[in-house]
């Protein structure tokens, strides 16, 4: 089917240049671009998803055995706590921290 289209000057130059670069006719370029545009218009529109809101993990206040300020602990204090934990685990028979004797 024949029709007449009036393109603005800059658009016509763009289409003609694109057709020349692609090595096809102006008619083929316009038809191809129209088909792509119509296919894109028929494609489903992606649903906008709201970004997840940050929710900090729940914390449980503790007044148990480790209810001490970490700022007041020195390195020696920390190593003492780790050694006590190791001895406690070994006493319950886990054996995870025992060294093998030769």
C-alpha atoms as a PDB file:
ATOM      1  CA  UNK A   1       0.000   0.000   0.000  1.00  0.00           C
ATOM      2  CA  UNK A   2       1.377   3.401  -0.880  1.00  0.00           C
ATOM      3  CA  UNK A   3       1.264   6.455   1.325  1.00  0.00           C
ATOM      4  CA  UNK A   4       3.058   9.751   1.611  1.00  0.00           C
ATOM      5  CA  UNK A   5       4.853  10.767   4.780  1.00  0.00           C
ATOM      6  CA  UNK A   6       6.321  14.192   5.519  1.00  0.00           C
ATOM      7  CA  UNK A   7       9.400  13.858   7.734  1.00  0.00           C
ATOM      8  CA  UNK A   8      11.114  16.813   9.394  1.00  0.00           C
ATOM      9  CA  UNK A   9      14.421  17.610   7.651  1.00  0.00           C
ATOM     10  CA  UNK A  10      16.738  16.316  10.391  1.00  0.00           C
ATOM     11  CA  UNK A  11      14.769  13.075  10.756  1.00  0.00           C
ATOM     12  CA  UNK A  12      14.831  12.474   7.003  1.00  0.00           C
ATOM     13  CA  UNK A  13      18.624  12.985   6.891  1.00  0.00           C
ATOM     14  CA  UNK A  14      19.032  10.588   9.827  1.00  0.00           C
ATOM     15  CA  UNK A  15      16.847   7.919   8.200  1.00  0.00           C
ATOM     16  CA  UNK A  16      18.553   8.262   4.832  1.00  0.00           C
ATOM     17  CA  UNK A  17      22.016   8.069   6.468  1.00  0.00           C
ATOM     18  CA  UNK A  18      21.034   5.049   8.535  1.00  0.00           C
ATOM     19  CA  UNK A  19      19.686   3.288   5.460  1.00  0.00           C
ATOM     20  CA  UNK A  20      22.934   3.964   3.587  1.00  0.00           C
ATOM     21  CA  UNK A  21      25.054   2.680   6.478  1.00  0.00           C
ATOM     22  CA  UNK A  22      22.914  -0.464   6.786  1.00  0.00           C
ATOM     23  CA  UNK A  23      22.981  -0.951   3.010  1.00  0.00           C
ATOM     24  CA  UNK A  24      19.195  -1.050   2.642  1.00  0.00           C
ATOM     25  CA  UNK A  25      16.583   1.229   1.145  1.00  0.00           C
ATOM     26  CA  UNK A  26      14.882   4.069   2.985  1.00  0.00           C
ATOM     27  CA  UNK A  27      11.618   2.111   2.729  1.00  0.00           C
ATOM     28  CA  UNK A  28      13.138  -0.955   4.439  1.00  0.00           C
ATOM     29  CA  UNK A  29      14.648   1.212   7.188  1.00  0.00           C
ATOM     30  CA  UNK A  30      11.352   2.964   7.952  1.00  0.00           C
ATOM     31  CA  UNK A  31       9.368  -0.292   7.916  1.00  0.00           C
ATOM     32  CA  UNK A  32      11.923  -1.996  10.192  1.00  0.00           C
ATOM     33  CA  UNK A  33      11.888   0.880  12.685  1.00  0.00           C
ATOM     34  CA  UNK A  34       8.084   0.998  12.694  1.00  0.00           C
ATOM     35  CA  UNK A  35       7.874  -2.747  13.330  1.00  0.00           C
ATOM     36  CA  UNK A  36      10.368  -2.523  16.206  1.00  0.00           C
ATOM     37  CA  UNK A  37       8.502   0.414  17.720  1.00  0.00           C
ATOM     38  CA  UNK A  38       5.137  -1.351  17.491  1.00  0.00           C
ATOM     39  CA  UNK A  39       6.576  -4.553  18.982  1.00  0.00           C
ATOM     40  CA  UNK A  40       8.047  -2.570  21.879  1.00  0.00           C
ATOM     41  CA  UNK A  41       4.697  -0.869  22.456  1.00  0.00           C
ATOM     42  CA  UNK A  42       2.988  -4.279  22.651  1.00  0.00           C
ATOM     43  CA  UNK A  43       5.550  -5.676  25.093  1.00  0.00           C
ATOM     44  CA  UNK A  44       4.390  -5.907  28.702  1.00  0.00           C
ATOM     45  CA  UNK A  45       5.468  -2.988  30.850  1.00  0.00           C
ATOM     46  CA  UNK A  46       7.707  -4.109  33.703  1.00  0.00           C
ATOM     47  CA  UNK A  47       6.133  -3.596  37.102  1.00  0.00           C
ATOM     48  CA  UNK A  48       7.963  -1.073  39.230  1.00  0.00           C
ATOM     49  CA  UNK A  49       9.143  -2.761  42.387  1.00  0.00           C
ATOM     50  CA  UNK A  50       9.815  -0.654  45.440  1.00  0.00           C
ATOM     51  CA  UNK A  51      13.284  -1.116  46.869  1.00  0.00           C
ATOM     52  CA  UNK A  52      13.362  -3.152  50.022  1.00  0.00           C
ATOM     53  CA  UNK A  53      13.458  -1.169  53.207  1.00  0.00           C
ATOM     54  CA  UNK A  54      16.295  -1.876  55.610  1.00  0.00           C
ATOM     55  CA  UNK A  55      15.156  -3.593  58.764  1.00  0.00           C
ATOM     56  CA  UNK A  56      17.902  -4.214  61.294  1.00  0.00           C
ATOM     57  CA  UNK A  57      18.058  -7.732  62.705  1.00  0.00           C
ATOM     58  CA  UNK A  58      16.319  -8.233  66.015  1.00  0.00           C
ATOM     59  CA  UNK A  59      18.521  -8.051  69.071  1.00  0.00           C
ATOM     60  CA  UNK A  60      17.946  -9.746  72.376  1.00  0.00           C
ATOM     61  CA  UNK A  61      19.347  -7.911  75.361  1.00  0.00           C
ATOM     62  CA  UNK A  62      21.444 -10.239  77.466  1.00  0.00           C
ATOM     63  CA  UNK A  63      22.371 -10.040  81.108  1.00  0.00           C
ATOM     64  CA  UNK A  64      24.102 -13.410  81.017  1.00  0.00           C
ATOM     65  CA  UNK A  65      27.761 -14.347  81.471  1.00  0.00           C
ATOM     66  CA  UNK A  66      29.019 -12.038  78.680  1.00  0.00           C
ATOM     67  CA  UNK A  67      27.227  -8.935  79.955  1.00  0.00           C
ATOM     68  CA  UNK A  68      30.483  -6.988  80.195  1.00  0.00           C
ATOM     69  CA  UNK A  69      31.581  -3.951  78.321  1.00  0.00           C
ATOM     70  CA  UNK A  70      33.901  -4.905  75.469  1.00  0.00           C
ATOM     71  CA  UNK A  71      35.630  -1.535  75.832  1.00  0.00           C
ATOM     72  CA  UNK A  72      36.961  -2.501  79.233  1.00  0.00           C
ATOM     73  CA  UNK A  73      38.579  -5.736  77.993  1.00  0.00           C
ATOM     74  CA  UNK A  74      42.250  -5.870  77.147  1.00  0.00           C
ATOM     75  CA  UNK A  75      43.788  -8.403  74.794  1.00  0.00           C
ATOM     76  CA  UNK A  76      44.946 -10.426  77.795  1.00  0.00           C
ATOM     77  CA  UNK A  77      41.371 -10.477  79.116  1.00  0.00           C
ATOM     78  CA  UNK A  78      40.059 -11.702  75.767  1.00  0.00           C
ATOM     79  CA  UNK A  79      42.641 -14.490  75.570  1.00  0.00           C
ATOM     80  CA  UNK A  80      41.739 -15.521  79.112  1.00  0.00           C
ATOM     81  CA  UNK A  81      38.053 -15.763  78.133  1.00  0.00           C
ATOM     82  CA  UNK A  82      38.926 -17.808  75.032  1.00  0.00           C
ATOM     83  CA  UNK A  83      41.095 -20.180  77.070  1.00  0.00           C
ATOM     84  CA  UNK A  84      38.299 -20.631  79.609  1.00  0.00           C
ATOM     85  CA  UNK A  85      35.871 -21.407  76.786  1.00  0.00           C
ATOM     86  CA  UNK A  86      38.296 -23.952  75.347  1.00  0.00           C
ATOM     87  CA  UNK A  87      38.676 -25.668  78.717  1.00  0.00           C
ATOM     88  CA  UNK A  88      34.901 -25.706  79.171  1.00  0.00           C
ATOM     89  CA  UNK A  89      34.362 -27.334  75.772  1.00  0.00           C
ATOM     90  CA  UNK A  90      37.035 -29.930  76.457  1.00  0.00           C
ATOM     91  CA  UNK A  91      35.433 -30.714  79.808  1.00  0.00           C
ATOM     92  CA  UNK A  92      32.188 -31.604  78.028  1.00  0.00           C
ATOM     93  CA  UNK A  93      34.046 -34.049  75.806  1.00  0.00           C
ATOM     94  CA  UNK A  94      33.769 -32.369  72.451  1.00  0.00           C
ATOM     95  CA  UNK A  95      37.472 -32.814  71.909  1.00  0.00           C
ATOM     96  CA  UNK A  96      37.534 -30.195  69.238  1.00  0.00           C
ATOM     97  CA  UNK A  97      40.332 -28.280  70.886  1.00  0.00           C
ATOM     98  CA  UNK A  98      42.365 -31.125  72.323  1.00  0.00           C
ATOM     99  CA  UNK A  99      45.774 -31.743  70.889  1.00  0.00           C
ATOM    100  CA  UNK A 100      46.664 -35.246  69.787  1.00  0.00           C
ATOM    101  CA  UNK A 101      49.425 -36.871  71.812  1.00  0.00           C
ATOM    102  CA  UNK A 102      52.090 -38.781  69.938  1.00  0.00           C
END
